[in-house]
Amino acid sequence: MTGLIILLAVIAVVVIWLILLYNGLVQLKVRADSAWSDIDVQLKRRHDLIPNLVETVKGYAAHEKGTFENIAKYRSLAMQATAPADRAQAEGQLTNALKSLFAVAENYPELRASEQFTSLQNSLNSIEGDIQNARRYYNAVVRDYNTKVQSFPTNMLASSMGFQQRQFFELDAPEERQNVAVKF
């Protein structure tokens, strides 16, 4: 009888332990989903602001058509991307196009003095900071999640329950890490 009680206690401990492992994985997965949603919200704010910024610059620099077309193209690609790696690449291209837009704006002192342009630029800078914070948080959650998915003994439960590693939101191309060259 004591052996049966011990066996039931061991089984109960193992079941509780498996439940705790599973719940830990689920919690990190939900946090990663939430963090990705935060990035998505910030990027949406950025995408909504860009047309206003472009229209403001267009009024001053009508002959810079290529820059405006690139921004529209990369904005569209960024809005369509869904996977973290694809989204990171598209957002990197959009960031470079925006840097070009600000380089164009440097050639127009009256544009830089425009209150509307300054306000839009400040809003974009604020959103860029929010995006950076959201990316940092997402990557921290993904790091914790991936560590748990790969660590023993959780990895056995994770693989059997379909928990997959997640991709970090990171810059791929070296040119995305460089400052834009402003030349007059």
Protein backbone atom coordinates (compact mmCIF):
# COMPACT_ATOMS: atom_id res chain seq x y z
CA MET A 1 0.00 0.00 0.00
CA THR A 2 2.85 2.41 0.82
CA GLY A 3 4.45 1.58 -2.51
CA LEU A 4 1.25 2.55 -4.31
CA ILE A 5 1.09 5.87 -2.43
CA ILE A 6 4.73 6.59 -3.29
CA LEU A 7 4.11 5.71 -6.93
CA LEU A 8 1.05 7.98 -7.07
CA ALA A 9 3.02 10.79 -5.40
CA VAL A 10 5.85 10.43 -7.93
CA ILE A 11 3.36 10.42 -10.81
CA ALA A 12 1.65 13.52 -9.37
CA VAL A 13 5.00 15.32 -9.02
CA VAL A 14 5.94 14.45 -12.63
CA VAL A 15 2.54 15.61 -13.91
CA ILE A 16 2.78 18.88 -11.97
CA TRP A 17 6.33 19.39 -13.23
CA LEU A 18 5.22 18.81 -16.86
CA ILE A 19 2.33 21.23 -16.38
CA LEU A 20 4.71 23.88 -15.04
CA LEU A 21 7.10 23.37 -17.98
CA TYR A 22 4.25 23.59 -20.46
CA ASN A 23 2.76 26.69 -18.81
CA GLY A 24 6.19 28.35 -18.85
CA LEU A 25 6.47 27.74 -22.59
CA VAL A 26 2.96 29.02 -23.21
CA GLN A 27 3.62 32.12 -21.13
CA LEU A 28 6.76 32.98 -23.11
CA LYS A 29 5.00 32.27 -26.40
CA VAL A 30 2.16 34.64 -25.48
CA ARG A 31 4.67 37.30 -24.38
CA ALA A 32 6.48 36.94 -27.72
CA ASP A 33 3.17 37.30 -29.59
CA SER A 34 2.34 40.37 -27.53
CA ALA A 35 5.78 41.89 -28.12
CA TRP A 36 5.44 41.27 -31.86
CA SER A 37 2.06 43.00 -31.75
CA ASP A 38 3.69 46.00 -30.05
CA ILE A 39 6.24 46.22 -32.88
CA ASP A 40 3.42 45.96 -35.40
CA VAL A 41 1.53 48.84 -33.76
CA GLN A 42 4.60 51.09 -33.79
CA LEU A 43 5.38 50.22 -37.40
CA LYS A 44 1.77 51.02 -38.33
CA ARG A 45 2.14 54.44 -36.70
CA ARG A 46 5.32 54.94 -38.71
CA HIS A 47 3.66 53.82 -41.96
CA ASP A 48 0.76 56.21 -41.34
CA LEU A 49 3.10 59.15 -40.77
CA ILE A 50 5.30 58.60 -43.82
CA PRO A 51 2.82 59.79 -46.51
CA ASN A 52 2.38 63.10 -44.65
CA LEU A 53 6.12 63.54 -44.43
CA VAL A 54 6.60 62.72 -48.11
CA GLU A 55 3.86 65.14 -49.19
CA THR A 56 5.41 67.92 -47.14
CA VAL A 57 8.84 67.37 -48.72
CA LYS A 58 7.29 66.98 -52.19
CA GLY A 59 5.98 70.51 -51.99
CA TYR A 60 9.52 71.81 -51.67
CA ALA A 61 11.48 69.30 -53.74
CA ALA A 62 9.33 68.27 -56.67
CA HIS A 63 12.31 67.12 -58.77
CA GLU A 64 13.33 64.43 -56.25
CA LYS A 65 10.84 61.95 -57.73
CA GLY A 66 13.05 58.84 -57.35
CA THR A 67 13.31 59.30 -53.59
CA PHE A 68 9.54 59.57 -53.22
CA GLU A 69 8.93 56.51 -55.40
CA ASN A 70 11.41 54.45 -53.35
CA ILE A 71 9.74 55.43 -50.11
CA ALA A 72 6.32 54.46 -51.47
CA LYS A 73 7.67 51.14 -52.73
CA TYR A 74 9.49 50.23 -49.52
CA ARG A 75 6.55 51.34 -47.36
CA SER A 76 4.29 49.03 -49.33
CA LEU A 77 6.75 46.12 -48.99
CA ALA A 78 7.11 46.75 -45.26
CA MET A 79 3.36 46.77 -44.75
CA GLN A 80 3.00 43.45 -46.62
CA ALA A 81 5.80 41.58 -44.81
CA THR A 82 4.67 39.27 -42.02
CA ALA A 83 7.57 37.11 -40.82
CA PRO A 84 10.10 38.79 -38.50
CA ALA A 85 13.01 38.29 -40.93
CA ASP A 86 11.03 39.62 -43.91
CA ARG A 87 9.65 42.48 -41.85
CA ALA A 88 13.12 43.40 -40.57
CA GLN A 89 14.53 43.46 -44.10
CA ALA A 90 11.66 45.54 -45.47
CA GLU A 91 11.82 47.96 -42.54
CA GLY A 92 15.57 48.32 -43.05
CA GLN A 93 15.01 49.30 -46.67
CA LEU A 94 12.32 51.75 -45.61
CA THR A 95 14.64 53.25 -43.00
CA ASN A 96 17.31 53.79 -45.66
CA ALA A 97 14.75 55.42 -47.96
CA LEU A 98 13.69 57.75 -45.13
CA LYS A 99 17.32 58.66 -44.53
CA SER A 100 17.48 59.65 -48.21
CA LEU A 101 14.36 61.75 -47.75
CA PHE A 102 15.96 63.62 -44.87
CA ALA A 103 19.11 64.06 -46.94
CA VAL A 104 16.96 65.67 -49.64
CA ALA A 105 15.36 67.88 -47.00
CA GLU A 106 18.81 69.12 -45.98
CA ASN A 107 19.05 70.85 -49.39
CA TYR A 108 16.00 73.00 -48.65
CA PRO A 109 16.48 75.41 -45.74
CA GLU A 110 12.91 76.70 -46.09
CA LEU A 111 11.65 73.12 -45.69
CA ARG A 112 13.74 72.55 -42.57
CA ALA A 113 12.29 75.78 -41.18
CA SER A 114 8.72 74.63 -41.92
CA GLU A 115 6.78 74.02 -38.73
CA GLN A 116 4.83 71.17 -40.31
CA PHE A 117 7.98 69.39 -41.48
CA THR A 118 9.65 69.84 -38.12
CA SER A 119 6.60 68.48 -36.33
CA LEU A 120 6.43 65.45 -38.65
CA GLN A 121 10.15 64.83 -38.28
CA ASN A 122 9.90 65.00 -34.49
CA SER A 123 6.95 62.60 -34.55
CA LEU A 124 8.90 60.19 -36.73
CA ASN A 125 11.90 60.41 -34.40
CA SER A 126 9.65 59.63 -31.45
CA ILE A 127 8.09 56.67 -33.26
CA GLU A 128 11.56 55.40 -34.24
CA GLY A 129 12.49 55.40 -30.55
CA ASP A 130 9.30 53.51 -29.71
CA ILE A 131 10.03 50.99 -32.48
CA GLN A 132 13.55 50.49 -31.16
CA ASN A 133 12.21 49.85 -27.65
CA ALA A 134 9.56 47.45 -28.94
CA ARG A 135 12.17 45.56 -30.99
CA ARG A 136 14.47 45.34 -27.99
CA TYR A 137 11.68 43.96 -25.80
CA TYR A 138 10.56 41.49 -28.50
CA ASN A 139 14.11 40.22 -28.95
CA ALA A 140 14.51 39.80 -25.17
CA VAL A 141 11.31 37.76 -24.96
CA VAL A 142 12.32 35.69 -28.00
CA ARG A 143 15.73 35.08 -26.40
CA ASP A 144 14.06 33.79 -23.23
CA TYR A 145 11.59 31.70 -25.21
CA ASN A 146 14.25 30.19 -27.49
CA THR A 147 16.46 29.42 -24.50
CA LYS A 148 13.62 27.59 -22.82
CA VAL A 149 12.69 25.73 -26.03
CA GLN A 150 16.32 24.57 -26.43
CA SER A 151 17.12 23.81 -22.78
CA PHE A 152 16.91 20.35 -21.28
CA PRO A 153 14.43 18.99 -20.18
CA THR A 154 11.99 21.55 -21.58
CA ASN A 155 13.23 20.86 -25.10
CA MET A 156 11.72 17.36 -25.01
CA LEU A 157 8.31 18.73 -24.08
CA ALA A 158 8.64 21.66 -26.48
CA SER A 159 9.43 19.50 -29.49
CA SER A 160 6.65 17.04 -28.72
CA MET A 161 4.11 19.85 -28.21
CA GLY A 162 5.07 21.77 -31.37
CA PHE A 163 6.82 24.75 -29.81
CA GLN A 164 9.23 26.15 -32.42
CA GLN A 165 12.06 28.63 -32.05
CA ARG A 166 11.24 32.19 -33.06
CA GLN A 167 13.22 34.57 -35.24
CA PHE A 168 14.77 37.69 -33.81
CA PHE A 169 13.88 41.05 -35.33
CA GLU A 170 17.30 42.13 -36.51
CA LEU A 171 18.99 44.05 -39.27
CA ASP A 172 20.46 41.87 -41.98
CA ALA A 173 22.32 44.15 -44.35
CA PRO A 174 25.46 45.99 -43.20
CA GLU A 175 24.35 49.18 -45.00
CA GLU A 176 21.34 49.36 -42.68
CA ARG A 177 23.71 49.89 -39.77
CA GLN A 178 25.46 52.88 -41.32
CA ASN A 179 24.47 56.53 -41.15
CA VAL A 180 23.28 58.13 -44.35
CA ALA A 181 25.87 60.26 -46.18
CA VAL A 182 24.54 63.77 -46.71
CA LYS A 183 26.29 65.45 -49.64
CA PHE A 184 25.65 68.88 -51.10
